[in-house]
C-alpha atoms as a PDB file:
ATOM      1  CA  MET A   1      36.015 -17.190  -8.773  1.00  0.00           C
ATOM      2  CA  GLY A   2      34.798 -15.777 -12.081  1.00  0.00           C
ATOM      3  CA  GLU A   3      31.282 -15.617 -13.346  1.00  0.00           C
ATOM      4  CA  PRO A   4      29.331 -18.854 -13.224  1.00  0.00           C
ATOM      5  CA  ASP A   5      29.301 -20.941 -16.336  1.00  0.00           C
ATOM      6  CA  LYS A   6      26.024 -20.863 -18.247  1.00  0.00           C
ATOM      7  CA  ASN A   7      25.762 -24.623 -17.732  1.00  0.00           C
ATOM      8  CA  ASP A   8      25.911 -24.243 -13.915  1.00  0.00           C
ATOM      9  CA  ILE A   9      22.755 -22.125 -13.741  1.00  0.00           C
ATOM     10  CA  PRO A  10      19.527 -24.102 -13.307  1.00  0.00           C
ATOM     11  CA  GLU A  11      16.903 -23.779 -16.016  1.00  0.00           C
ATOM     12  CA  GLY A  12      14.572 -20.838 -15.485  1.00  0.00           C
ATOM     13  CA  ARG A  13      17.114 -18.904 -13.410  1.00  0.00           C
ATOM     14  CA  CYS A  14      19.363 -15.991 -14.383  1.00  0.00           C
ATOM     15  CA  ALA A  15      22.989 -15.342 -13.611  1.00  0.00           C
ATOM     16  CA  PRO A  16      23.359 -13.189 -10.459  1.00  0.00           C
ATOM     17  CA  ALA A  17      24.403 -10.137 -12.490  1.00  0.00           C
ATOM     18  CA  ASP A  18      21.277 -10.448 -14.649  1.00  0.00           C
ATOM     19  CA  ARG A  19      18.869 -10.538 -11.669  1.00  0.00           C
ATOM     20  CA  ARG A  20      19.490  -7.007 -10.475  1.00  0.00           C
ATOM     21  CA  GLY A  21      16.185  -5.268  -9.756  1.00  0.00           C
ATOM     22  CA  ARG A  22      14.039  -8.241 -10.741  1.00  0.00           C
ATOM     23  CA  MET A  23      11.627 -10.225  -8.668  1.00  0.00           C
ATOM     24  CA  ASP A  24      10.517 -13.804  -9.271  1.00  0.00           C
ATOM     25  CA  GLN A  25       6.906 -14.280 -10.316  1.00  0.00           C
ATOM     26  CA  ALA A  26       6.190 -16.398  -7.227  1.00  0.00           C
ATOM     27  CA  ASP A  27       7.592 -13.659  -4.984  1.00  0.00           C
ATOM     28  CA  LYS A  28       5.389 -11.043  -6.670  1.00  0.00           C
ATOM     29  CA  ILE A  29       2.312 -13.205  -6.158  1.00  0.00           C
ATOM     30  CA  LEU A  30       3.212 -13.829  -2.517  1.00  0.00           C
ATOM     31  CA  LEU A  31       3.865 -10.130  -1.889  1.00  0.00           C
ATOM     32  CA  SER A  32       0.528  -9.212  -3.490  1.00  0.00           C
ATOM     33  CA  ALA A  33      -1.286 -11.822  -1.397  1.00  0.00           C
ATOM     34  CA  ILE A  34       0.333 -10.518   1.798  1.00  0.00           C
ATOM     35  CA  ALA A  35      -0.618  -6.918   0.908  1.00  0.00           C
ATOM     36  CA  ILE A  36      -4.215  -7.924   0.177  1.00  0.00           C
ATOM     37  CA  PHE A  37      -4.361  -9.868   3.441  1.00  0.00           C
ATOM     38  CA  PHE A  38      -3.140  -6.914   5.503  1.00  0.00           C
ATOM     39  CA  ALA A  39      -5.497  -4.506   3.704  1.00  0.00           C
ATOM     40  CA  ALA A  40      -8.449  -6.821   4.355  1.00  0.00           C
ATOM     41  CA  ALA A  41      -7.377  -7.280   7.977  1.00  0.00           C
ATOM     42  CA  PHE A  42      -7.151  -3.498   8.445  1.00  0.00           C
ATOM     43  CA  ILE A  43     -10.589  -2.937   6.954  1.00  0.00           C
ATOM     44  CA  ALA A  44     -12.064  -5.751   9.069  1.00  0.00           C
ATOM     45  CA  LEU A  45     -10.418  -4.264  12.155  1.00  0.00           C
ATOM     46  CA  CYS A  46     -11.934  -0.841  11.384  1.00  0.00           C
ATOM     47  CA  PHE A  47     -15.402  -2.337  11.028  1.00  0.00           C
ATOM     48  CA  ALA A  48     -14.958  -4.440  14.176  1.00  0.00           C
ATOM     49  CA  LEU A  49     -13.835  -1.386  16.129  1.00  0.00           C
ATOM     50  CA  LYS A  50     -16.790   0.611  14.833  1.00  0.00           C
ATOM     51  CA  ALA A  51     -19.211  -2.210  15.765  1.00  0.00           C
ATOM     52  CA  LEU A  52     -17.655  -2.506  19.222  1.00  0.00           C
ATOM     53  CA  LEU A  53     -17.913   1.235  19.848  1.00  0.00           C
ATOM     54  CA  ASP A  54     -21.517   1.262  18.600  1.00  0.00           C
ATOM     55  CA  ALA A  55     -22.389  -1.662  20.884  1.00  0.00           C
ATOM     56  CA  VAL A  56     -20.873   0.055  23.911  1.00  0.00           C
ATOM     57  CA  GLY A  57     -22.614   3.318  23.044  1.00  0.00           C
ATOM     58  CA  LEU A  58     -19.529   5.502  22.938  1.00  0.00           C
ATOM     59  CA  VAL A  59     -20.084   6.712  19.394  1.00  0.00           C
ATOM     60  CA  ALA A  60     -22.366   9.599  18.625  1.00  0.00           C
ATOM     61  CA  ALA A  61     -23.298  10.566  15.101  1.00  0.00           C
ATOM     62  CA  GLY A  62     -19.940  11.591  13.680  1.00  0.00           C
ATOM     63  CA  VAL A  63     -18.250  11.948  10.339  1.00  0.00           C
ATOM     64  CA  GLY A  64     -19.606   9.557   7.730  1.00  0.00           C
ATOM     65  CA  LEU A  65     -17.652   7.919   4.928  1.00  0.00           C
ATOM     66  CA  GLY A  66     -18.651  10.621   2.431  1.00  0.00           C
ATOM     67  CA  ALA A  67     -17.393  13.474   4.573  1.00  0.00           C
ATOM     68  CA  ALA A  68     -14.299  11.479   5.517  1.00  0.00           C
ATOM     69  CA  LEU A  69     -13.527  10.925   1.825  1.00  0.00           C
ATOM     70  CA  ILE A  70     -13.719  14.661   1.155  1.00  0.00           C
ATOM     71  CA  ILE A  71     -11.219  15.225   3.971  1.00  0.00           C
ATOM     72  CA  ALA A  72      -8.966  12.275   3.039  1.00  0.00           C
ATOM     73  CA  ILE A  73      -8.350  13.182  -0.610  1.00  0.00           C
ATOM     74  CA  PRO A  74      -6.524  16.505   0.068  1.00  0.00           C
ATOM     75  CA  ILE A  75      -4.505  14.858   2.837  1.00  0.00           C
ATOM     76  CA  ALA A  76      -3.386  12.083   0.471  1.00  0.00           C
ATOM     77  CA  VAL A  77      -2.607  14.555  -2.323  1.00  0.00           C
ATOM     78  CA  LEU A  78      -0.517  16.746  -0.025  1.00  0.00           C
ATOM     79  CA  LEU A  79       1.327  13.758   1.406  1.00  0.00           C
ATOM     80  CA  LEU A  80       2.154  12.381  -2.038  1.00  0.00           C
ATOM     81  CA  LEU A  81       3.196  15.819  -3.323  1.00  0.00           C
ATOM     82  CA  LEU A  82       5.491  16.146  -0.324  1.00  0.00           C
ATOM     83  CA  LEU A  83       6.961  12.725  -1.105  1.00  0.00           C
ATOM     84  CA  LEU A  84       7.403  13.593  -4.795  1.00  0.00           C
ATOM     85  CA  VAL A  85       9.068  16.938  -4.041  1.00  0.00           C
ATOM     86  CA  PHE A  86      11.590  15.527  -1.599  1.00  0.00           C
ATOM     87  CA  SER A  87      12.350  12.335  -3.526  1.00  0.00           C
ATOM     88  CA  GLY A  88      13.576  14.220  -6.587  1.00  0.00           C
ATOM     89  CA  ASP A  89      13.825  12.759 -10.070  1.00  0.00           C
ATOM     90  CA  GLY A  90      13.850   9.192  -8.783  1.00  0.00           C
ATOM     91  CA  MET A  91      10.130   9.258  -8.073  1.00  0.00           C
ATOM     92  CA  LEU A  92       9.223  10.163 -11.661  1.00  0.00           C
ATOM     93  CA  GLY A  93      10.303   6.704 -12.718  1.00  0.00           C
ATOM     94  CA  GLU A  94       8.206   5.246  -9.909  1.00  0.00           C
ATOM     95  CA  PHE A  95       4.987   6.981 -10.942  1.00  0.00           C
ATOM     96  CA  HIS A  96       3.352   3.592 -11.467  1.00  0.00           C
ATOM     97  CA  THR A  97       3.725   2.961  -7.736  1.00  0.00           C
ATOM     98  CA  ALA A  98       2.601   6.459  -6.731  1.00  0.00           C
ATOM     99  CA  VAL A  99      -0.864   6.023  -8.249  1.00  0.00           C
ATOM    100  CA  PRO A 100      -1.784   2.883  -6.244  1.00  0.00           C
ATOM    101  CA  ALA A 101      -0.181   4.500  -3.190  1.00  0.00           C
ATOM    102  CA  PHE A 102      -2.537   7.463  -3.624  1.00  0.00           C
ATOM    103  CA  PHE A 103      -5.582   5.196  -3.606  1.00  0.00           C
ATOM    104  CA  ALA A 104      -4.247   3.246  -0.635  1.00  0.00           C
ATOM    105  CA  LEU A 105      -3.674   6.463   1.294  1.00  0.00           C
ATOM    106  CA  VAL A 106      -7.154   7.723   0.443  1.00  0.00           C
ATOM    107  CA  ALA A 107      -8.700   4.454   1.637  1.00  0.00           C
ATOM    108  CA  PHE A 108      -6.585   4.459   4.800  1.00  0.00           C
ATOM    109  CA  PHE A 109      -7.358   8.069   5.718  1.00  0.00           C
ATOM    110  CA  THR A 110     -11.048   7.715   4.838  1.00  0.00           C
ATOM    111  CA  LEU A 111     -11.526   4.706   7.094  1.00  0.00           C
ATOM    112  CA  THR A 112      -9.395   6.165   9.843  1.00  0.00           C
ATOM    113  CA  ILE A 113     -11.221   9.508   9.853  1.00  0.00           C
ATOM    114  CA  ALA A 114     -14.628   7.821   9.701  1.00  0.00           C
ATOM    115  CA  VAL A 115     -13.825   5.530  12.644  1.00  0.00           C
ATOM    116  CA  VAL A 116     -11.957   7.997  14.842  1.00  0.00           C
ATOM    117  CA  PHE A 117     -14.154  11.061  14.327  1.00  0.00           C
END
């Protein structure tokens, strides 16, 4: 019940102790594809909802994308600052994930504000 022999590990794979915190390339590609799919589905759903509300006549002239963007940026900044403050030093090492999260939050809040208001 010791560590596996180097000859028992298939080519291209690591020993279990060496895989800590790593993700296979195929898993990264699949995760990226799933994220892109859900982002595209959300955006399509926002546009479909907006078209449906326009067709029914329930939408008056409201907040446009430009005004929604001006509102969404401070909301995203405050939310990320709140996350960074309460996560402590661990988030400093994850700064490379905080930047795309900022843009995702801005896009989410912009579309949500533009559709809802």
